[in-house]
C-alpha atoms as a PDB file:
ATOM      1  CA  MET A   1       0.094   0.029   0.077  1.00  0.00           C
ATOM      2  CA  LYS A   2       1.345   3.337  -0.992  1.00  0.00           C
ATOM      3  CA  ILE A   3       0.901   6.166   1.500  1.00  0.00           C
ATOM      4  CA  LYS A   4       0.012   9.547   0.045  1.00  0.00           C
ATOM      5  CA  ASP A   5       2.301  12.517   0.385  1.00  0.00           C
ATOM      6  CA  LYS A   6       0.876  14.853   3.003  1.00  0.00           C
ATOM      7  CA  GLU A   7      -0.694  18.018   1.315  1.00  0.00           C
ATOM      8  CA  PRO A   8       1.006  21.283   1.830  1.00  0.00           C
ATOM      9  CA  PHE A   9      -0.684  23.693   4.170  1.00  0.00           C
ATOM     10  CA  TYR A  10      -1.506  25.870   1.072  1.00  0.00           C
ATOM     11  CA  SER A  11      -3.255  23.118  -0.679  1.00  0.00           C
ATOM     12  CA  ASP A  12      -6.455  25.367  -0.550  1.00  0.00           C
ATOM     13  CA  GLY A  13      -4.203  28.154  -1.941  1.00  0.00           C
ATOM     14  CA  LEU A  14      -2.984  31.491  -0.557  1.00  0.00           C
ATOM     15  CA  SER A  15      -3.718  35.255  -1.050  1.00  0.00           C
ATOM     16  CA  PHE A  16      -1.222  37.919  -1.898  1.00  0.00           C
ATOM     17  CA  GLU A  17      -1.406  41.373  -3.473  1.00  0.00           C
ATOM     18  CA  CYS A  18       1.721  43.096  -3.927  1.00  0.00           C
ATOM     19  CA  THR A  19       1.275  46.754  -2.352  1.00  0.00           C
ATOM     20  CA  ARG A  20       4.646  48.144  -3.737  1.00  0.00           C
ATOM     21  CA  CYS A  21       5.604  48.945   0.121  1.00  0.00           C
ATOM     22  CA  GLY A  22       9.270  47.916  -0.375  1.00  0.00           C
ATOM     23  CA  GLY A  23       9.135  45.449   2.743  1.00  0.00           C
ATOM     24  CA  CYS A  24      10.589  42.666   0.506  1.00  0.00           C
ATOM     25  CA  CYS A  25      13.094  44.791  -1.203  1.00  0.00           C
ATOM     26  CA  SER A  26      14.587  47.217   1.380  1.00  0.00           C
ATOM     27  CA  GLY A  27      16.323  47.245   4.947  1.00  0.00           C
ATOM     28  CA  PHE A  28      17.895  43.708   4.926  1.00  0.00           C
ATOM     29  CA  PRO A  29      20.817  42.434   3.033  1.00  0.00           C
ATOM     30  CA  GLY A  30      20.325  39.590   0.475  1.00  0.00           C
ATOM     31  CA  TYR A  31      20.816  38.758  -3.420  1.00  0.00           C
ATOM     32  CA  VAL A  32      18.532  39.398  -6.342  1.00  0.00           C
ATOM     33  CA  TRP A  33      19.453  36.884  -8.788  1.00  0.00           C
ATOM     34  CA  LEU A  34      19.307  37.875 -12.537  1.00  0.00           C
ATOM     35  CA  SER A  35      18.898  35.343 -15.315  1.00  0.00           C
ATOM     36  CA  GLU A  36      20.445  36.275 -18.659  1.00  0.00           C
ATOM     37  CA  ALA A  37      16.947  37.013 -20.065  1.00  0.00           C
ATOM     38  CA  GLU A  38      16.197  39.278 -16.759  1.00  0.00           C
ATOM     39  CA  LEU A  39      19.426  41.023 -17.408  1.00  0.00           C
ATOM     40  CA  PHE A  40      18.640  41.988 -20.825  1.00  0.00           C
ATOM     41  CA  ARG A  41      15.035  42.781 -19.998  1.00  0.00           C
ATOM     42  CA  LEU A  42      16.232  45.184 -17.492  1.00  0.00           C
ATOM     43  CA  CYS A  43      18.680  46.636 -19.810  1.00  0.00           C
ATOM     44  CA  ASP A  44      16.042  47.293 -22.227  1.00  0.00           C
ATOM     45  CA  PHE A  45      13.805  48.657 -19.765  1.00  0.00           C
ATOM     46  CA  ARG A  46      16.472  51.251 -18.442  1.00  0.00           C
ATOM     47  CA  GLY A  47      17.587  51.854 -22.008  1.00  0.00           C
ATOM     48  CA  LEU A  48      21.291  51.045 -21.189  1.00  0.00           C
ATOM     49  CA  ASP A  49      23.769  48.947 -22.834  1.00  0.00           C
ATOM     50  CA  PRO A  50      24.267  45.696 -21.102  1.00  0.00           C
ATOM     51  CA  ALA A  51      27.992  46.388 -20.155  1.00  0.00           C
ATOM     52  CA  VAL A  52      26.955  49.760 -18.636  1.00  0.00           C
ATOM     53  CA  PHE A  53      23.943  48.323 -16.896  1.00  0.00           C
ATOM     54  CA  ALA A  54      25.978  45.612 -15.508  1.00  0.00           C
ATOM     55  CA  GLY A  55      28.733  47.699 -14.302  1.00  0.00           C
ATOM     56  CA  ARG A  56      26.351  49.967 -12.518  1.00  0.00           C
ATOM     57  CA  PHE A  57      23.898  47.798 -11.040  1.00  0.00           C
ATOM     58  CA  THR A  58      25.113  43.973 -10.667  1.00  0.00           C
ATOM     59  CA  ARG A  59      27.815  42.014  -9.426  1.00  0.00           C
ATOM     60  CA  VAL A  60      28.904  38.206  -9.998  1.00  0.00           C
ATOM     61  CA  VAL A  61      28.553  36.306  -6.673  1.00  0.00           C
ATOM     62  CA  ARG A  62      31.089  33.468  -6.149  1.00  0.00           C
ATOM     63  CA  GLY A  63      31.668  31.193  -3.298  1.00  0.00           C
ATOM     64  CA  PHE A  64      28.644  29.106  -2.871  1.00  0.00           C
ATOM     65  CA  GLY A  65      27.497  26.968  -5.727  1.00  0.00           C
ATOM     66  CA  PRO A  66      27.876  28.224  -9.329  1.00  0.00           C
ATOM     67  CA  PRO A  67      28.612  31.853  -9.908  1.00  0.00           C
ATOM     68  CA  ARG A  68      25.489  33.831 -10.233  1.00  0.00           C
ATOM     69  CA  LEU A  69      24.601  37.533 -11.014  1.00  0.00           C
ATOM     70  CA  SER A  70      22.983  39.680  -8.590  1.00  0.00           C
ATOM     71  CA  LEU A  71      21.660  43.161  -8.454  1.00  0.00           C
ATOM     72  CA  ILE A  72      23.781  45.339  -5.973  1.00  0.00           C
ATOM     73  CA  GLU A  73      22.449  46.925  -2.862  1.00  0.00           C
ATOM     74  CA  LYS A  74      22.334  50.610  -1.830  1.00  0.00           C
ATOM     75  CA  ASP A  75      23.656  51.757   1.696  1.00  0.00           C
ATOM     76  CA  GLY A  76      21.277  50.399   4.187  1.00  0.00           C
ATOM     77  CA  PHE A  77      20.661  47.135   2.096  1.00  0.00           C
ATOM     78  CA  ASP A  78      17.948  48.537  -0.140  1.00  0.00           C
ATOM     79  CA  CYS A  79      17.761  47.035  -3.651  1.00  0.00           C
ATOM     80  CA  VAL A  80      19.520  49.415  -6.105  1.00  0.00           C
ATOM     81  CA  PHE A  81      16.173  49.937  -7.770  1.00  0.00           C
ATOM     82  CA  PHE A  82      14.278  50.665  -4.558  1.00  0.00           C
ATOM     83  CA  ASP A  83      13.477  54.363  -4.436  1.00  0.00           C
ATOM     84  CA  ASP A  84      10.207  54.957  -2.537  1.00  0.00           C
ATOM     85  CA  GLY A  85       9.098  51.892  -4.636  1.00  0.00           C
ATOM     86  CA  CYS A  86      10.510  49.533  -7.127  1.00  0.00           C
ATOM     87  CA  THR A  87      11.719  51.653 -10.179  1.00  0.00           C
ATOM     88  CA  VAL A  88      11.705  48.674 -12.470  1.00  0.00           C
ATOM     89  CA  TYR A  89       8.338  46.949 -11.307  1.00  0.00           C
ATOM     90  CA  GLU A  90       7.366  46.071 -15.048  1.00  0.00           C
ATOM     91  CA  ALA A  91      10.481  44.509 -15.767  1.00  0.00           C
ATOM     92  CA  ARG A  92      11.381  43.237 -12.089  1.00  0.00           C
ATOM     93  CA  PRO A  93      13.075  39.913 -12.048  1.00  0.00           C
ATOM     94  CA  PHE A  94      11.490  36.649 -11.247  1.00  0.00           C
ATOM     95  CA  GLN A  95      12.681  36.506  -7.956  1.00  0.00           C
ATOM     96  CA  CYS A  96      10.857  39.725  -6.893  1.00  0.00           C
ATOM     97  CA  SER A  97       7.614  38.920  -9.092  1.00  0.00           C
ATOM     98  CA  SER A  98       7.416  35.610  -7.437  1.00  0.00           C
ATOM     99  CA  PHE A  99       7.584  36.632  -3.872  1.00  0.00           C
ATOM    100  CA  PRO A 100       6.326  35.741  -1.275  1.00  0.00           C
ATOM    101  CA  PHE A 101       5.931  32.319  -2.924  1.00  0.00           C
ATOM    102  CA  TRP A 102       9.502  31.068  -2.150  1.00  0.00           C
ATOM    103  CA  LYS A 103      10.307  27.756  -0.439  1.00  0.00           C
ATOM    104  CA  ARG A 104      11.453  29.228   2.636  1.00  0.00           C
ATOM    105  CA  ASN A 105       7.942  31.253   3.083  1.00  0.00           C
ATOM    106  CA  LEU A 106       5.901  27.841   2.327  1.00  0.00           C
ATOM    107  CA  VAL A 107       7.595  25.519   4.952  1.00  0.00           C
ATOM    108  CA  SER A 108       4.686  25.771   7.257  1.00  0.00           C
ATOM    109  CA  PRO A 109       1.771  28.276   8.264  1.00  0.00           C
ATOM    110  CA  ALA A 110       4.170  29.962  10.866  1.00  0.00           C
ATOM    111  CA  SER A 111       6.810  30.683   7.984  1.00  0.00           C
ATOM    112  CA  TRP A 112       4.009  32.085   5.876  1.00  0.00           C
ATOM    113  CA  GLU A 113       2.819  34.211   8.938  1.00  0.00           C
ATOM    114  CA  ARG A 114       6.325  35.355   9.588  1.00  0.00           C
ATOM    115  CA  THR A 115       6.391  36.697   6.008  1.00  0.00           C
ATOM    116  CA  ALA A 116       3.026  38.544   6.767  1.00  0.00           C
ATOM    117  CA  ASP A 117       4.755  40.378   9.681  1.00  0.00           C
ATOM    118  CA  PHE A 118       6.764  42.464   7.319  1.00  0.00           C
ATOM    119  CA  CYS A 119       4.587  42.013   4.315  1.00  0.00           C
ATOM    120  CA  PRO A 120       1.269  43.776   4.105  1.00  0.00           C
ATOM    121  CA  GLY A 121       0.351  42.008   0.775  1.00  0.00           C
ATOM    122  CA  VAL A 122       0.175  38.676   2.408  1.00  0.00           C
ATOM    123  CA  ASN A 123      -3.163  37.211   3.061  1.00  0.00           C
ATOM    124  CA  ARG A 124      -5.018  39.778   0.970  1.00  0.00           C
ATOM    125  CA  GLY A 125      -6.004  40.211  -2.500  1.00  0.00           C
ATOM    126  CA  LYS A 126      -5.720  37.682  -5.306  1.00  0.00           C
ATOM    127  CA  ARG A 127      -6.150  33.864  -4.312  1.00  0.00           C
ATOM    128  CA  TYR A 128      -3.238  31.807  -5.924  1.00  0.00           C
ATOM    129  CA  SER A 129      -4.246  28.150  -6.209  1.00  0.00           C
ATOM    130  CA  HIS A 130      -2.027  25.390  -4.868  1.00  0.00           C
ATOM    131  CA  GLU A 131      -1.019  24.727  -8.589  1.00  0.00           C
ATOM    132  CA  GLU A 132      -0.205  28.273  -9.296  1.00  0.00           C
ATOM    133  CA  ILE A 133       2.093  28.320  -6.250  1.00  0.00           C
ATOM    134  CA  GLU A 134       3.549  24.872  -7.277  1.00  0.00           C
ATOM    135  CA  ASP A 135       4.280  26.361 -10.631  1.00  0.00           C
ATOM    136  CA  LEU A 136       6.184  29.320  -9.307  1.00  0.00           C
ATOM    137  CA  LEU A 137       8.231  27.123  -7.093  1.00  0.00           C
ATOM    138  CA  LEU A 138       9.056  24.927 -10.159  1.00  0.00           C
ATOM    139  CA  ARG A 139       9.918  27.854 -12.533  1.00  0.00           C
ATOM    140  CA  VAL A 140      13.043  29.286 -11.119  1.00  0.00           C
ATOM    141  CA  PRO A 141      15.233  30.536 -14.002  1.00  0.00           C
ATOM    142  CA  ASP A 142      18.811  29.377 -14.583  1.00  0.00           C
ATOM    143  CA  TYR A 143      21.082  31.869 -12.712  1.00  0.00           C
ATOM    144  CA  ASN A 144      24.414  30.153 -13.599  1.00  0.00           C
ATOM    145  CA  VAL A 145      26.370  32.667 -15.316  1.00  0.00           C
ATOM    146  CA  ARG A 146      28.388  29.836 -16.979  1.00  0.00           C
ATOM    147  CA  HIS A 147      25.376  29.188 -18.897  1.00  0.00           C
ATOM    148  CA  PHE A 148      24.839  32.765 -20.184  1.00  0.00           C
ATOM    149  CA  SER A 149      25.660  33.539 -23.855  1.00  0.00           C
ATOM    150  CA  ALA A 150      29.199  34.977 -24.750  1.00  0.00           C
ATOM    151  CA  ARG A 151      27.435  38.315 -25.284  1.00  0.00           C
ATOM    152  CA  ALA A 152      25.980  38.462 -21.760  1.00  0.00           C
ATOM    153  CA  ARG A 153      29.231  37.126 -20.043  1.00  0.00           C
ATOM    154  CA  ARG A 154      31.149  39.891 -21.843  1.00  0.00           C
ATOM    155  CA  ALA A 155      28.717  42.505 -20.607  1.00  0.00           C
ATOM    156  CA  ILE A 156      29.192  41.194 -16.852  1.00  0.00           C
ATOM    157  CA  GLY A 157      32.858  40.781 -17.385  1.00  0.00           C
ATOM    158  CA  PHE A 158      32.761  37.099 -16.817  1.00  0.00           C
END
């Protein structure tokens, strides 16, 4: 007899609506990973050459796992694109657009409620189905800069 896996606590879905408050992009250190496609989308959005954009707004992070490209932070650990709100919201990276549906926030009801402590959009607005949440968890882009095209690697100096 096969034992069915336990359903996640969000099997009936979870609600979230971004209020653009900046709680997830300011005030604490971290990385905002960029895929190659996201790099070029942000370059287009900002109207900048990829090498100029990368030099101003990104860094290659090495040391744990494959090398990855991240946005830099301003003093105080705010995202480089946070200025009383996200200045690249329409072109923001997947990591930003998929928040708060990150694995660490979906471990338990308690982890989800801890996220709600600093994010006023949690538990309000659109109801995301279990399937939509699982799709977000599986759709993480390839952030390994070794897999970027030669053009992208040149732009980031890798």
